[in-house]
Amino acid sequence: MDPSIGAAVMRWAPVEVKLGSAQLDDAAAHLRRLRDRVDLGRMGEPSFLAVITAGATAYRRDDGVFVIPLACLRN
């Protein structure tokens, strides 16, 4: 896992950063495993799972993981 976004109201979201699209499946699987290992009673469900990539298209995968191009995060 790379960054994890959190807030004071017990919301969190694990994020992977992968520059190559060939790594998307592995990154998404890692995020799902992490979600499954966390004590959800204590931490709550993650707000989302996301992989940031160097790609050009933002979308939500069938497994619920968001794929977000790095260019979408600029001002």
N, C-alpha and C. Protein backbone atom coordinates (compact mmCIF):
# COMPACT_ATOMS: atom_id res chain seq x y z
N MET A 1 0.84 -1.16 0.00
CA MET A 1 0.00 0.00 0.00
C MET A 1 0.89 1.22 0.00
N ASP A 2 0.46 2.21 -0.72
CA ASP A 2 1.17 3.48 -0.75
C ASP A 2 0.46 4.42 0.23
N PRO A 3 0.01 5.58 -0.21
CA PRO A 3 -0.65 6.49 0.73
C PRO A 3 -1.97 5.92 1.24
N SER A 4 -2.34 6.36 2.40
CA SER A 4 -3.67 6.07 2.93
C SER A 4 -4.26 7.41 3.33
N ILE A 5 -5.46 7.67 2.87
CA ILE A 5 -6.11 8.94 3.14
C ILE A 5 -7.00 8.75 4.36
N GLY A 6 -6.88 9.63 5.34
CA GLY A 6 -7.68 9.49 6.55
C GLY A 6 -8.25 10.82 6.99
N ALA A 7 -9.22 10.76 7.90
CA ALA A 7 -9.83 11.97 8.44
C ALA A 7 -10.18 11.71 9.90
N ALA A 8 -10.49 12.76 10.62
CA ALA A 8 -10.77 12.65 12.04
C ALA A 8 -12.09 11.92 12.33
N VAL A 9 -12.93 11.72 11.35
CA VAL A 9 -14.23 11.08 11.56
C VAL A 9 -14.19 9.60 11.20
N MET A 10 -13.01 8.97 11.35
CA MET A 10 -12.84 7.53 11.12
C MET A 10 -13.16 7.11 9.69
N ARG A 11 -12.76 7.89 8.75
CA ARG A 11 -12.88 7.51 7.34
C ARG A 11 -11.48 7.32 6.80
N TRP A 12 -11.31 6.30 5.98
CA TRP A 12 -10.00 6.01 5.44
C TRP A 12 -10.15 5.39 4.06
N ALA A 13 -9.09 5.46 3.28
CA ALA A 13 -9.10 4.92 1.93
C ALA A 13 -7.68 4.53 1.53
N PRO A 14 -7.41 3.24 1.36
CA PRO A 14 -6.08 2.84 0.91
C PRO A 14 -5.91 3.11 -0.59
N VAL A 15 -4.70 3.52 -0.95
CA VAL A 15 -4.39 3.89 -2.34
C VAL A 15 -3.06 3.26 -2.73
N GLU A 16 -3.01 2.69 -3.92
CA GLU A 16 -1.75 2.18 -4.50
C GLU A 16 -1.37 3.12 -5.63
N VAL A 17 -0.09 3.33 -5.84
CA VAL A 17 0.42 4.10 -6.98
C VAL A 17 1.21 3.15 -7.86
N LYS A 18 0.73 2.96 -9.08
CA LYS A 18 1.38 2.08 -10.05
C LYS A 18 1.44 2.80 -11.39
N LEU A 19 2.63 2.90 -11.95
CA LEU A 19 2.76 3.62 -13.21
C LEU A 19 2.41 2.76 -14.41
N GLY A 20 2.54 1.46 -14.30
CA GLY A 20 2.24 0.59 -15.44
C GLY A 20 0.88 -0.07 -15.31
N SER A 21 0.14 -0.16 -16.40
CA SER A 21 -1.19 -0.77 -16.37
C SER A 21 -1.12 -2.28 -16.14
N ALA A 22 0.03 -2.88 -16.40
CA ALA A 22 0.18 -4.32 -16.18
C ALA A 22 0.11 -4.67 -14.70
N GLN A 23 0.29 -3.71 -13.84
CA GLN A 23 0.29 -3.94 -12.39
C GLN A 23 -1.06 -3.68 -11.75
N LEU A 24 -2.07 -3.30 -12.52
CA LEU A 24 -3.37 -2.93 -11.95
C LEU A 24 -4.03 -4.08 -11.20
N ASP A 25 -4.03 -5.27 -11.77
CA ASP A 25 -4.68 -6.40 -11.13
C ASP A 25 -4.02 -6.74 -9.80
N ASP A 26 -2.70 -6.73 -9.76
CA ASP A 26 -1.98 -7.01 -8.52
C ASP A 26 -2.26 -5.94 -7.47
N ALA A 27 -2.28 -4.69 -7.88
CA ALA A 27 -2.53 -3.59 -6.95
C ALA A 27 -3.95 -3.68 -6.39
N ALA A 28 -4.92 -3.96 -7.24
CA ALA A 28 -6.31 -4.07 -6.78
C ALA A 28 -6.46 -5.26 -5.82
N ALA A 29 -5.81 -6.37 -6.13
CA ALA A 29 -5.88 -7.54 -5.25
C ALA A 29 -5.26 -7.21 -3.89
N HIS A 30 -4.15 -6.49 -3.89
CA HIS A 30 -3.51 -6.11 -2.63
C HIS A 30 -4.43 -5.21 -1.80
N LEU A 31 -5.10 -4.27 -2.45
CA LEU A 31 -6.00 -3.38 -1.72
C LEU A 31 -7.18 -4.16 -1.12
N ARG A 32 -7.72 -5.11 -1.86
CA ARG A 32 -8.83 -5.92 -1.35
C ARG A 32 -8.37 -6.78 -0.17
N ARG A 33 -7.15 -7.36 -0.27
CA ARG A 33 -6.61 -8.14 0.85
C ARG A 33 -6.42 -7.27 2.09
N LEU A 34 -5.92 -6.06 1.89
CA LEU A 34 -5.73 -5.15 3.01
C LEU A 34 -7.07 -4.84 3.67
N ARG A 35 -8.08 -4.52 2.87
CA ARG A 35 -9.41 -4.23 3.41
C ARG A 35 -9.92 -5.42 4.23
N ASP A 36 -9.66 -6.63 3.75
CA ASP A 36 -10.14 -7.83 4.43
C ASP A 36 -9.39 -8.11 5.73
N ARG A 37 -8.16 -7.60 5.86
CA ARG A 37 -7.35 -7.83 7.06
C ARG A 37 -7.58 -6.79 8.16
N VAL A 38 -8.12 -5.64 7.79
CA VAL A 38 -8.31 -4.55 8.76
C VAL A 38 -9.50 -4.88 9.66
N ASP A 39 -9.40 -4.52 10.92
CA ASP A 39 -10.50 -4.68 11.87
C ASP A 39 -11.55 -3.62 11.54
N LEU A 40 -12.57 -4.02 10.76
CA LEU A 40 -13.59 -3.08 10.31
C LEU A 40 -14.46 -2.58 11.45
N GLY A 41 -14.56 -3.36 12.52
CA GLY A 41 -15.30 -2.90 13.68
C GLY A 41 -14.64 -1.70 14.35
N ARG A 42 -13.33 -1.66 14.25
CA ARG A 42 -12.57 -0.56 14.84
C ARG A 42 -12.36 0.58 13.85
N MET A 43 -12.03 0.24 12.61
CA MET A 43 -11.68 1.25 11.60
C MET A 43 -12.84 1.65 10.70
N GLY A 44 -13.85 0.80 10.58
CA GLY A 44 -14.93 1.06 9.64
C GLY A 44 -14.52 0.65 8.23
N GLU A 45 -15.49 0.56 7.36
CA GLU A 45 -15.22 0.24 5.96
C GLU A 45 -14.43 1.37 5.33
N PRO A 46 -13.53 1.07 4.41
CA PRO A 46 -12.85 2.16 3.69
C PRO A 46 -13.84 2.92 2.82
N SER A 47 -13.61 4.20 2.66
CA SER A 47 -14.48 5.01 1.79
C SER A 47 -14.38 4.56 0.35
N PHE A 48 -13.19 4.15 -0.05
CA PHE A 48 -12.95 3.63 -1.39
C PHE A 48 -11.60 2.95 -1.43
N LEU A 49 -11.35 2.20 -2.47
CA LEU A 49 -10.04 1.62 -2.78
C LEU A 49 -9.64 2.21 -4.13
N ALA A 50 -8.38 2.62 -4.28
CA ALA A 50 -7.99 3.26 -5.53
C ALA A 50 -6.55 2.94 -5.92
N VAL A 51 -6.34 2.89 -7.22
CA VAL A 51 -5.01 2.77 -7.80
C VAL A 51 -4.79 4.01 -8.65
N ILE A 52 -3.73 4.75 -8.37
CA ILE A 52 -3.36 5.91 -9.18
C ILE A 52 -2.37 5.43 -10.22
N THR A 53 -2.62 5.78 -11.49
CA THR A 53 -1.79 5.30 -12.59
C THR A 53 -1.34 6.46 -13.48
N ALA A 54 -0.49 6.12 -14.43
CA ALA A 54 -0.06 7.08 -15.44
C ALA A 54 -0.97 7.00 -16.67
N GLY A 55 -2.02 6.21 -16.60
CA GLY A 55 -2.94 6.04 -17.72
C GLY A 55 -3.73 7.30 -18.03
N ALA A 56 -4.67 7.17 -18.96
CA ALA A 56 -5.43 8.32 -19.42
C ALA A 56 -6.91 8.25 -19.06
N THR A 57 -7.39 7.12 -18.55
CA THR A 57 -8.83 6.96 -18.32
C THR A 57 -9.11 6.62 -16.87
N ALA A 58 -10.07 7.34 -16.28
CA ALA A 58 -10.52 7.04 -14.93
C ALA A 58 -11.74 6.14 -15.03
N TYR A 59 -11.79 5.12 -14.17
CA TYR A 59 -12.94 4.23 -14.18
C TYR A 59 -12.99 3.43 -12.89
N ARG A 60 -14.13 2.78 -12.69
CA ARG A 60 -14.29 1.89 -11.54
C ARG A 60 -14.30 0.46 -12.07
N ARG A 61 -13.41 -0.36 -11.55
CA ARG A 61 -13.31 -1.75 -11.97
C ARG A 61 -14.50 -2.54 -11.46
N ASP A 62 -14.71 -3.72 -12.02
CA ASP A 62 -15.80 -4.59 -11.59
C ASP A 62 -15.69 -4.98 -10.12
N ASP A 63 -14.47 -5.00 -9.57
CA ASP A 63 -14.28 -5.35 -8.16
C ASP A 63 -14.44 -4.14 -7.23
N GLY A 64 -14.82 -2.99 -7.80
CA GLY A 64 -15.07 -1.79 -7.00
C GLY A 64 -13.88 -0.88 -6.78
N VAL A 65 -12.71 -1.27 -7.27
CA VAL A 65 -11.50 -0.46 -7.11
C VAL A 65 -11.49 0.63 -8.18
N PHE A 66 -11.28 1.87 -7.74
CA PHE A 66 -11.18 2.99 -8.68
C PHE A 66 -9.78 3.05 -9.28
N VAL A 67 -9.70 3.33 -10.57
CA VAL A 67 -8.43 3.57 -11.27
C VAL A 67 -8.44 5.05 -11.63
N ILE A 68 -7.45 5.77 -11.12
CA ILE A 68 -7.42 7.23 -11.27
C ILE A 68 -6.11 7.66 -11.92
N PRO A 69 -6.19 8.28 -13.10
CA PRO A 69 -4.96 8.80 -13.71
C PRO A 69 -4.35 9.91 -12.86
N LEU A 70 -3.05 9.91 -12.78
CA LEU A 70 -2.35 10.95 -12.03
C LEU A 70 -2.73 12.34 -12.50
N ALA A 71 -2.97 12.51 -13.79
CA ALA A 71 -3.33 13.82 -14.34
C ALA A 71 -4.65 14.35 -13.77
N CYS A 72 -5.51 13.48 -13.27
CA CYS A 72 -6.77 13.93 -12.66
C CYS A 72 -6.55 14.61 -11.32
N LEU A 73 -5.38 14.45 -10.73
CA LEU A 73 -5.12 14.99 -9.40
C LEU A 73 -4.46 16.36 -9.42
N ARG A 74 -4.26 16.90 -10.59
CA ARG A 74 -3.64 18.23 -10.66
C ARG A 74 -4.70 19.32 -10.58
N ASN A 75 -4.27 20.55 -10.34
CA ASN A 75 -5.21 21.67 -10.25
C ASN A 75 -5.86 21.97 -11.55
